[in-house]
Full PDB file with SEQRES, HELIX, SHEET, SSBOND, CRYST1, ORIGX, SCALE, CONECT and MASTER records, all heavy atoms in Angstrom:
SEQRES   1 A   38  VAL THR GLN LEU VAL ALA LEU SER HIS ARG TYR GLY VAL          
SEQRES   2 A   38  ARG GLY GLY LEU GLY GLY LEU ILE ILE LEU ALA ALA LEU          
SEQRES   3 A   38  ALA CYS PRO LEU VAL PRO ALA SER TYR GLY SER ALA              
HELIX    1 AA1 THR A    2  TYR A   11  1                                  10    
HELIX    2 AA2 VAL A   13  LEU A   26  1                                  14    
CRYST1    1.000    1.000    1.000  90.00  90.00  90.00 P 1           1          
ORIGX1      1.000000  0.000000  0.000000        0.00000                         
ORIGX2      0.000000  1.000000  0.000000        0.00000                         
ORIGX3      0.000000  0.000000  1.000000        0.00000                         
SCALE1      1.000000  0.000000  0.000000        0.00000                         
SCALE2      0.000000  1.000000  0.000000        0.00000                         
SCALE3      0.000000  0.000000  1.000000        0.00000                         
ATOM      1  N   VAL A   1       0.070  48.464  97.039  1.00  0.00           N  
ATOM      2  CA  VAL A   1      -0.747  48.500  98.303  1.00  0.00           C  
ATOM      3  C   VAL A   1      -0.041  49.312  99.412  1.00  0.00           C  
ATOM      4  O   VAL A   1      -0.781  49.906 100.102  1.00  0.00           O  
ATOM      5  CB  VAL A   1      -1.267  47.046  98.738  1.00  0.00           C  
ATOM      6  CG1 VAL A   1      -2.027  47.163  99.901  1.00  0.00           C  
ATOM      7  CG2 VAL A   1      -2.018  46.426  97.540  1.00  0.00           C  
ATOM      8  N   THR A   2       1.221  48.990  99.436  1.00  0.00           N  
ATOM      9  CA  THR A   2       1.991  49.693 100.545  1.00  0.00           C  
ATOM     10  C   THR A   2       1.947  51.185 100.326  1.00  0.00           C  
ATOM     11  O   THR A   2       1.832  52.027 101.208  1.00  0.00           O  
ATOM     12  CB  THR A   2       3.467  49.316 100.489  1.00  0.00           C  
ATOM     13  OG1 THR A   2       3.536  47.852 100.839  1.00  0.00           O  
ATOM     14  CG2 THR A   2       4.217  50.036 101.716  1.00  0.00           C  
ATOM     15  N   GLN A   3       2.144  51.579  98.960  1.00  0.00           N  
ATOM     16  CA  GLN A   3       1.896  53.081  98.593  1.00  0.00           C  
ATOM     17  C   GLN A   3       0.499  53.546  99.035  1.00  0.00           C  
ATOM     18  O   GLN A   3       0.283  54.643  99.497  1.00  0.00           O  
ATOM     19  CB  GLN A   3       2.156  53.204  97.164  1.00  0.00           C  
ATOM     20  CG  GLN A   3       2.185  54.699  96.656  1.00  0.00           C  
ATOM     21  CD  GLN A   3       3.440  55.424  97.304  1.00  0.00           C  
ATOM     22  OE1 GLN A   3       4.593  55.143  96.928  1.00  0.00           O  
ATOM     23  NE2 GLN A   3       3.116  56.301  98.344  1.00  0.00           N  
ATOM     24  N   LEU A   4      -0.487  52.719  98.749  1.00  0.00           N  
ATOM     25  CA  LEU A   4      -1.887  53.193  99.212  1.00  0.00           C  
ATOM     26  C   LEU A   4      -2.053  53.382 100.608  1.00  0.00           C  
ATOM     27  O   LEU A   4      -2.485  54.519 101.100  1.00  0.00           O  
ATOM     28  CB  LEU A   4      -2.939  52.149  98.855  1.00  0.00           C  
ATOM     29  CG  LEU A   4      -4.323  52.147  99.346  1.00  0.00           C  
ATOM     30  CD1 LEU A   4      -5.026  53.441  98.861  1.00  0.00           C  
ATOM     31  CD2 LEU A   4      -5.182  51.012  99.194  1.00  0.00           C  
ATOM     32  N   VAL A   5      -1.364  52.600 101.413  1.00  0.00           N  
ATOM     33  CA  VAL A   5      -1.523  52.644 102.970  1.00  0.00           C  
ATOM     34  C   VAL A   5      -0.633  53.900 103.358  1.00  0.00           C  
ATOM     35  O   VAL A   5      -1.028  54.656 104.145  1.00  0.00           O  
ATOM     36  CB  VAL A   5      -0.955  51.424 103.588  1.00  0.00           C  
ATOM     37  CG1 VAL A   5      -0.876  51.547 105.114  1.00  0.00           C  
ATOM     38  CG2 VAL A   5      -1.793  50.249 103.117  1.00  0.00           C  
ATOM     39  N   ALA A   6       0.490  54.024 102.800  1.00  0.00           N  
ATOM     40  CA  ALA A   6       1.474  55.253 103.022  1.00  0.00           C  
ATOM     41  C   ALA A   6       0.775  56.512 102.797  1.00  0.00           C  
ATOM     42  O   ALA A   6       0.707  57.533 103.589  1.00  0.00           O  
ATOM     43  CB  ALA A   6       2.603  55.105 102.340  1.00  0.00           C  
ATOM     44  N   LEU A   7       0.058  56.641 101.565  1.00  0.00           N  
ATOM     45  CA  LEU A   7      -0.635  57.885 101.335  1.00  0.00           C  
ATOM     46  C   LEU A   7      -1.780  58.076 102.169  1.00  0.00           C  
ATOM     47  O   LEU A   7      -2.130  59.358 102.515  1.00  0.00           O  
ATOM     48  CB  LEU A   7      -1.019  57.765  99.873  1.00  0.00           C  
ATOM     49  CG  LEU A   7       0.115  57.799  98.751  1.00  0.00           C  
ATOM     50  CD1 LEU A   7      -0.445  57.620  97.387  1.00  0.00           C  
ATOM     51  CD2 LEU A   7       0.821  59.277  98.791  1.00  0.00           C  
ATOM     52  N   SER A   8      -2.400  56.972 102.476  1.00  0.00           N  
ATOM     53  CA  SER A   8      -3.694  57.143 103.377  1.00  0.00           C  
ATOM     54  C   SER A   8      -3.187  57.751 104.709  1.00  0.00           C  
ATOM     55  O   SER A   8      -3.936  58.501 105.467  1.00  0.00           O  
ATOM     56  CB  SER A   8      -4.425  55.991 103.433  1.00  0.00           C  
ATOM     57  OG  SER A   8      -4.930  55.545 102.199  1.00  0.00           O  
ATOM     58  N   HIS A   9      -2.115  57.040 105.165  1.00  0.00           N  
ATOM     59  CA  HIS A   9      -1.695  57.472 106.494  1.00  0.00           C  
ATOM     60  C   HIS A   9      -1.250  58.916 106.577  1.00  0.00           C  
ATOM     61  O   HIS A   9      -1.501  59.658 107.617  1.00  0.00           O  
ATOM     62  CB  HIS A   9      -0.407  56.555 106.830  1.00  0.00           C  
ATOM     63  CG  HIS A   9       0.147  56.857 108.282  1.00  0.00           C  
ATOM     64  ND1 HIS A   9      -0.466  56.552 109.449  1.00  0.00           N  
ATOM     65  CD2 HIS A   9       1.363  57.575 108.581  1.00  0.00           C  
ATOM     66  CE1 HIS A   9       0.331  56.989 110.450  1.00  0.00           C  
ATOM     67  NE2 HIS A   9       1.411  57.516 109.850  1.00  0.00           N  
ATOM     68  N   ARG A  10      -0.602  59.390 105.589  1.00  0.00           N  
ATOM     69  CA  ARG A  10      -0.091  60.781 105.542  1.00  0.00           C  
ATOM     70  C   ARG A  10      -1.089  61.832 105.188  1.00  0.00           C  
ATOM     71  O   ARG A  10      -1.186  62.922 105.709  1.00  0.00           O  
ATOM     72  CB  ARG A  10       1.099  60.841 104.609  1.00  0.00           C  
ATOM     73  CG  ARG A  10       1.907  62.085 104.675  1.00  0.00           C  
ATOM     74  CD  ARG A  10       3.145  62.112 103.822  1.00  0.00           C  
ATOM     75  NE  ARG A  10       3.833  63.338 104.029  1.00  0.00           N  
ATOM     76  CZ  ARG A  10       5.158  63.519 103.409  1.00  0.00           C  
ATOM     77  NH1 ARG A  10       5.611  62.563 102.614  1.00  0.00           N  
ATOM     78  NH2 ARG A  10       5.668  64.632 103.471  1.00  0.00           N  
ATOM     79  N   TYR A  11      -1.873  61.538 104.198  1.00  0.00           N  
ATOM     80  CA  TYR A  11      -2.862  62.543 103.595  1.00  0.00           C  
ATOM     81  C   TYR A  11      -4.374  62.241 103.846  1.00  0.00           C  
ATOM     82  O   TYR A  11      -5.232  62.969 103.291  1.00  0.00           O  
ATOM     83  CB  TYR A  11      -2.629  62.685 102.228  1.00  0.00           C  
ATOM     84  CG  TYR A  11      -1.153  63.167 101.772  1.00  0.00           C  
ATOM     85  CD1 TYR A  11      -0.179  62.232 101.136  1.00  0.00           C  
ATOM     86  CD2 TYR A  11      -0.670  64.507 102.155  1.00  0.00           C  
ATOM     87  CE1 TYR A  11       1.048  62.596 100.944  1.00  0.00           C  
ATOM     88  CE2 TYR A  11       0.543  64.816 101.849  1.00  0.00           C  
ATOM     89  CZ  TYR A  11       1.508  63.968 101.220  1.00  0.00           C  
ATOM     90  OH  TYR A  11       2.708  64.381 100.963  1.00  0.00           O  
ATOM     91  N   GLY A  12      -4.711  61.117 104.508  1.00  0.00           N  
ATOM     92  CA  GLY A  12      -6.023  60.897 104.793  1.00  0.00           C  
ATOM     93  C   GLY A  12      -6.869  60.457 103.465  1.00  0.00           C  
ATOM     94  O   GLY A  12      -6.363  59.764 102.774  1.00  0.00           O  
ATOM     95  N   VAL A  13      -8.107  60.822 103.329  1.00  0.00           N  
ATOM     96  CA  VAL A  13      -9.006  60.474 102.249  1.00  0.00           C  
ATOM     97  C   VAL A  13      -8.346  60.935 101.001  1.00  0.00           C  
ATOM     98  O   VAL A  13      -8.415  60.078 100.080  1.00  0.00           O  
ATOM     99  CB  VAL A  13     -10.284  61.201 102.486  1.00  0.00           C  
ATOM    100  CG1 VAL A  13     -11.217  60.846 101.206  1.00  0.00           C  
ATOM    101  CG2 VAL A  13     -10.976  60.701 103.792  1.00  0.00           C  
ATOM    102  N   ARG A  14      -7.731  62.050 100.841  1.00  0.00           N  
ATOM    103  CA  ARG A  14      -7.139  62.345  99.564  1.00  0.00           C  
ATOM    104  C   ARG A  14      -6.097  61.510  99.169  1.00  0.00           C  
ATOM    105  O   ARG A  14      -5.860  60.990  97.981  1.00  0.00           O  
ATOM    106  CB  ARG A  14      -6.699  63.841  99.642  1.00  0.00           C  
ATOM    107  CG  ARG A  14      -7.821  64.935  99.556  1.00  0.00           C  
ATOM    108  CD  ARG A  14      -7.210  66.336  99.557  1.00  0.00           C  
ATOM    109  NE  ARG A  14      -6.441  66.476 100.750  1.00  0.00           N  
ATOM    110  CZ  ARG A  14      -5.665  67.598 100.878  1.00  0.00           C  
ATOM    111  NH1 ARG A  14      -5.587  68.605 100.018  1.00  0.00           N  
ATOM    112  NH2 ARG A  14      -4.917  67.732 102.026  1.00  0.00           N  
ATOM    113  N   GLY A  15      -5.238  61.089 100.250  1.00  0.00           N  
ATOM    114  CA  GLY A  15      -4.189  60.219  99.823  1.00  0.00           C  
ATOM    115  C   GLY A  15      -4.617  58.821  99.389  1.00  0.00           C  
ATOM    116  O   GLY A  15      -4.121  58.173  98.682  1.00  0.00           O  
ATOM    117  N   GLY A  16      -5.762  58.379 100.210  1.00  0.00           N  
ATOM    118  CA  GLY A  16      -6.374  57.191  99.767  1.00  0.00           C  
ATOM    119  C   GLY A  16      -6.828  57.096  98.420  1.00  0.00           C  
ATOM    120  O   GLY A  16      -6.714  56.012  97.715  1.00  0.00           O  
ATOM    121  N   LEU A  17      -7.465  58.116  97.940  1.00  0.00           N  
ATOM    122  CA  LEU A  17      -7.959  58.182  96.633  1.00  0.00           C  
ATOM    123  C   LEU A  17      -6.705  58.161  95.522  1.00  0.00           C  
ATOM    124  O   LEU A  17      -6.773  57.556  94.541  1.00  0.00           O  
ATOM    125  CB  LEU A  17      -8.710  59.592  96.399  1.00  0.00           C  
ATOM    126  CG  LEU A  17     -10.122  59.564  97.131  1.00  0.00           C  
ATOM    127  CD1 LEU A  17     -10.737  60.984  96.959  1.00  0.00           C  
ATOM    128  CD2 LEU A  17     -10.969  58.574  96.623  1.00  0.00           C  
ATOM    129  N   GLY A  18      -5.749  58.871  95.952  1.00  0.00           N  
ATOM    130  CA  GLY A  18      -4.535  58.791  95.066  1.00  0.00           C  
ATOM    131  C   GLY A  18      -3.898  57.525  95.039  1.00  0.00           C  
ATOM    132  O   GLY A  18      -3.545  56.886  93.909  1.00  0.00           O  
ATOM    133  N   GLY A  19      -4.083  56.651  96.175  1.00  0.00           N  
ATOM    134  CA  GLY A  19      -3.482  55.346  96.158  1.00  0.00           C  
ATOM    135  C   GLY A  19      -4.317  54.394  95.395  1.00  0.00           C  
ATOM    136  O   GLY A  19      -3.873  53.459  94.593  1.00  0.00           O  
ATOM    137  N   LEU A  20      -5.621  54.678  95.413  1.00  0.00           N  
ATOM    138  CA  LEU A  20      -6.641  53.811  94.559  1.00  0.00           C  
ATOM    139  C   LEU A  20      -6.396  53.959  93.080  1.00  0.00           C  
ATOM    140  O   LEU A  20      -6.582  53.141  92.279  1.00  0.00           O  
ATOM    141  CB  LEU A  20      -8.024  54.157  95.018  1.00  0.00           C  
ATOM    142  CG  LEU A  20      -8.470  53.598  96.373  1.00  0.00           C  
ATOM    143  CD1 LEU A  20      -9.905  54.185  96.606  1.00  0.00           C  
ATOM    144  CD2 LEU A  20      -8.436  52.191  96.464  1.00  0.00           C  
ATOM    145  N   ILE A  21      -6.030  55.318  92.744  1.00  0.00           N  
ATOM    146  CA  ILE A  21      -5.843  55.431  91.378  1.00  0.00           C  
ATOM    147  C   ILE A  21      -4.535  54.722  90.892  1.00  0.00           C  
ATOM    148  O   ILE A  21      -4.445  54.195  89.770  1.00  0.00           O  
ATOM    149  CB  ILE A  21      -5.498  56.983  91.083  1.00  0.00           C  
ATOM    150  CG1 ILE A  21      -6.849  57.777  91.345  1.00  0.00           C  
ATOM    151  CG2 ILE A  21      -4.908  57.361  89.657  1.00  0.00           C  
ATOM    152  CD1 ILE A  21      -6.632  59.244  91.148  1.00  0.00           C  
ATOM    153  N   ILE A  22      -3.455  54.675  91.751  1.00  0.00           N  
ATOM    154  CA  ILE A  22      -2.269  53.807  91.455  1.00  0.00           C  
ATOM    155  C   ILE A  22      -2.728  52.324  91.290  1.00  0.00           C  
ATOM    156  O   ILE A  22      -2.224  51.658  90.339  1.00  0.00           O  
ATOM    157  CB  ILE A  22      -1.211  53.988  92.580  1.00  0.00           C  
ATOM    158  CG1 ILE A  22      -0.703  55.544  92.561  1.00  0.00           C  
ATOM    159  CG2 ILE A  22      -0.114  53.037  92.402  1.00  0.00           C  
ATOM    160  CD1 ILE A  22       0.121  55.792  93.733  1.00  0.00           C  
ATOM    161  N   LEU A  23      -3.448  51.858  92.247  1.00  0.00           N  
ATOM    162  CA  LEU A  23      -3.854  50.401  92.017  1.00  0.00           C  
ATOM    163  C   LEU A  23      -4.721  50.228  90.837  1.00  0.00           C  
ATOM    164  O   LEU A  23      -4.544  49.187  90.131  1.00  0.00           O  
ATOM    165  CB  LEU A  23      -4.708  49.983  93.334  1.00  0.00           C  
ATOM    166  CG  LEU A  23      -3.997  50.042  94.711  1.00  0.00           C  
ATOM    167  CD1 LEU A  23      -4.860  49.346  95.667  1.00  0.00           C  
ATOM    168  CD2 LEU A  23      -2.737  49.445  94.559  1.00  0.00           C  
ATOM    169  N   ALA A  24      -5.490  51.170  90.414  1.00  0.00           N  
ATOM    170  CA  ALA A  24      -6.199  50.916  89.276  1.00  0.00           C  
ATOM    171  C   ALA A  24      -5.351  50.965  88.015  1.00  0.00           C  
ATOM    172  O   ALA A  24      -5.651  50.169  87.004  1.00  0.00           O  
ATOM    173  CB  ALA A  24      -7.226  52.124  89.084  1.00  0.00           C  
ATOM    174  N   ALA A  25      -4.316  51.598  88.045  1.00  0.00           N  
ATOM    175  CA  ALA A  25      -3.328  51.616  86.922  1.00  0.00           C  
ATOM    176  C   ALA A  25      -2.606  50.371  86.985  1.00  0.00           C  
ATOM    177  O   ALA A  25      -2.221  49.861  85.797  1.00  0.00           O  
ATOM    178  CB  ALA A  25      -2.448  52.823  86.915  1.00  0.00           C  
ATOM    179  N   LEU A  26      -2.388  49.676  88.073  1.00  0.00           N  
ATOM    180  CA  LEU A  26      -1.607  48.477  88.180  1.00  0.00           C  
ATOM    181  C   LEU A  26      -2.473  47.201  87.880  1.00  0.00           C  
ATOM    182  O   LEU A  26      -1.904  46.183  87.485  1.00  0.00           O  
ATOM    183  CB  LEU A  26      -1.042  48.325  89.580  1.00  0.00           C  
ATOM    184  CG  LEU A  26       0.136  49.237  89.907  1.00  0.00           C  
ATOM    185  CD1 LEU A  26       0.412  49.069  91.443  1.00  0.00           C  
ATOM    186  CD2 LEU A  26       1.337  49.073  89.085  1.00  0.00           C  
ATOM    187  N   ALA A  27      -3.751  47.366  87.962  1.00  0.00           N  
ATOM    188  CA  ALA A  27      -4.716  46.124  87.939  1.00  0.00           C  
ATOM    189  C   ALA A  27      -4.529  45.427  86.556  1.00  0.00           C  
ATOM    190  O   ALA A  27      -4.178  44.059  86.674  1.00  0.00           O  
ATOM    191  CB  ALA A  27      -6.139  46.518  88.138  1.00  0.00           C  
ATOM    192  N   CYS A  28      -4.520  45.998  85.501  1.00  0.00           N  
ATOM    193  CA  CYS A  28      -4.519  45.259  84.164  1.00  0.00           C  
ATOM    194  C   CYS A  28      -3.162  44.678  83.990  1.00  0.00           C  
ATOM    195  O   CYS A  28      -2.986  43.450  83.642  1.00  0.00           O  
ATOM    196  CB  CYS A  28      -4.990  46.080  83.017  1.00  0.00           C  
ATOM    197  SG  CYS A  28      -6.743  46.533  83.027  1.00  0.00           S  
ATOM    198  N   PRO A  29      -1.995  45.403  84.039  1.00  0.00           N  
ATOM    199  CA  PRO A  29      -0.713  44.792  83.872  1.00  0.00           C  
ATOM    200  C   PRO A  29      -0.448  43.587  84.919  1.00  0.00           C  
ATOM    201  O   PRO A  29       0.486  42.730  84.660  1.00  0.00           O  
ATOM    202  CB  PRO A  29       0.193  45.914  84.111  1.00  0.00           C  
ATOM    203  CG  PRO A  29      -0.565  47.125  83.926  1.00  0.00           C  
ATOM    204  CD  PRO A  29      -1.859  46.811  84.378  1.00  0.00           C  
ATOM    205  N   LEU A  30      -1.166  43.676  86.045  1.00  0.00           N  
ATOM    206  CA  LEU A  30      -0.929  42.447  86.969  1.00  0.00           C  
ATOM    207  C   LEU A  30      -1.845  41.158  86.739  1.00  0.00           C  
ATOM    208  O   LEU A  30      -1.514  40.126  87.233  1.00  0.00           O  
ATOM    209  CB  LEU A  30      -1.300  42.908  88.463  1.00  0.00           C  
ATOM    210  CG  LEU A  30      -0.415  43.983  89.119  1.00  0.00           C  
ATOM    211  CD1 LEU A  30      -0.902  44.534  90.377  1.00  0.00           C  
ATOM    212  CD2 LEU A  30       0.938  43.313  89.270  1.00  0.00           C  
ATOM    213  N   VAL A  31      -2.799  41.296  85.725  1.00  0.00           N  
ATOM    214  CA  VAL A  31      -3.707  40.262  85.468  1.00  0.00           C  
ATOM    215  C   VAL A  31      -2.958  39.055  84.843  1.00  0.00           C  
ATOM    216  O   VAL A  31      -3.090  37.902  85.428  1.00  0.00           O  
ATOM    217  CB  VAL A  31      -4.659  40.596  84.535  1.00  0.00           C  
ATOM    218  CG1 VAL A  31      -5.486  39.500  83.966  1.00  0.00           C  
ATOM    219  CG2 VAL A  31      -5.670  41.625  85.279  1.00  0.00           C  
ATOM    220  N   PRO A  32      -1.931  39.193  83.918  1.00  0.00           N  
ATOM    221  CA  PRO A  32      -1.497  38.008  83.339  1.00  0.00           C  
ATOM    222  C   PRO A  32      -0.592  37.041  84.287  1.00  0.00           C  
ATOM    223  O   PRO A  32      -0.667  35.860  84.129  1.00  0.00           O  
ATOM    224  CB  PRO A  32      -0.482  38.526  82.280  1.00  0.00           C  
ATOM    225  CG  PRO A  32      -1.038  39.918  81.986  1.00  0.00           C  
ATOM    226  CD  PRO A  32      -1.462  40.408  83.254  1.00  0.00           C  
ATOM    227  N   ALA A  33       0.098  37.621  85.143  1.00  0.00           N  
ATOM    228  CA  ALA A  33       1.030  36.846  86.028  1.00  0.00           C  
ATOM    229  C   ALA A  33       0.965  37.077  87.510  1.00  0.00           C  
ATOM    230  O   ALA A  33       1.494  36.323  88.227  1.00  0.00           O  
ATOM    231  CB  ALA A  33       2.447  37.048  85.574  1.00  0.00           C  
ATOM    232  N   SER A  34       0.217  38.111  87.979  1.00  0.00           N  
ATOM    233  CA  SER A  34       0.207  38.548  89.328  1.00  0.00           C  
ATOM    234  C   SER A  34      -1.078  38.863  90.108  1.00  0.00           C  
ATOM    235  O   SER A  34      -1.216  39.621  90.842  1.00  0.00           O  
ATOM    236  CB  SER A  34       1.254  39.678  89.511  1.00  0.00           C  
ATOM    237  OG  SER A  34       2.490  39.325  88.981  1.00  0.00           O  
ATOM    238  N   TYR A  35      -2.170  38.043  89.367  1.00  0.00           N  
ATOM    239  CA  TYR A  35      -3.343  37.987  90.249  1.00  0.00           C  
ATOM    240  C   TYR A  35      -4.380  39.175  89.928  1.00  0.00           C  
ATOM    241  O   TYR A  35      -5.426  39.053  90.519  1.00  0.00           O  
ATOM    242  CB  TYR A  35      -3.210  37.705  91.713  1.00  0.00           C  
ATOM    243  CG  TYR A  35      -2.431  36.401  92.015  1.00  0.00           C  
ATOM    244  CD1 TYR A  35      -1.142  36.480  92.443  1.00  0.00           C  
ATOM    245  CD2 TYR A  35      -3.073  35.260  91.779  1.00  0.00           C  
ATOM    246  CE1 TYR A  35      -0.415  35.306  92.622  1.00  0.00           C  
ATOM    247  CE2 TYR A  35      -2.375  33.991  92.129  1.00  0.00           C  
ATOM    248  CZ  TYR A  35      -1.079  34.147  92.434  1.00  0.00           C  
ATOM    249  OH  TYR A  35      -0.353  32.954  92.689  1.00  0.00           O  
ATOM    250  N   GLY A  36      -3.933  40.321  89.387  1.00  0.00           N  
ATOM    251  CA  GLY A  36      -4.850  41.317  88.954  1.00  0.00           C  
ATOM    252  C   GLY A  36      -5.367  41.960  90.131  1.00  0.00           C  
ATOM    253  O   GLY A  36      -4.943  42.055  91.247  1.00  0.00           O  
ATOM    254  N   SER A  37      -6.734  42.377  89.950  1.00  0.00           N  
ATOM    255  CA  SER A  37      -7.402  43.077  91.086  1.00  0.00           C  
ATOM    256  C   SER A  37      -7.659  42.163  92.257  1.00  0.00           C  
ATOM    257  O   SER A  37      -7.755  42.742  93.467  1.00  0.00           O  
ATOM    258  CB  SER A  37      -8.696  43.584  90.522  1.00  0.00           C  
ATOM    259  OG  SER A  37      -9.623  42.531  89.948  1.00  0.00           O  
ATOM    260  N   ALA A  38      -7.822  40.830  91.961  1.00  0.00           N  
ATOM    261  CA  ALA A  38      -8.115  40.024  93.145  1.00  0.00           C  
ATOM    262  C   ALA A  38      -6.940  40.000  94.194  1.00  0.00           C  
ATOM    263  O   ALA A  38      -7.128  39.883  95.377  1.00  0.00           O  
ATOM    264  CB  ALA A  38      -8.305  38.673  92.697  1.00  0.00           C  
TER     265      ALA A  38                                                      
MASTER        0    0    0    2    0    0    0    6  264    1    0    3          
END                                                                             
């Protein structure tokens, strides 16, 4: 999420979309122990 905010701050909408792709990639591996998408 910090990466999402950093990319959004630096590159605007395009950076935000890139950050969302990173979060989408993290969501499943975070499910078992670290709350996933929630």
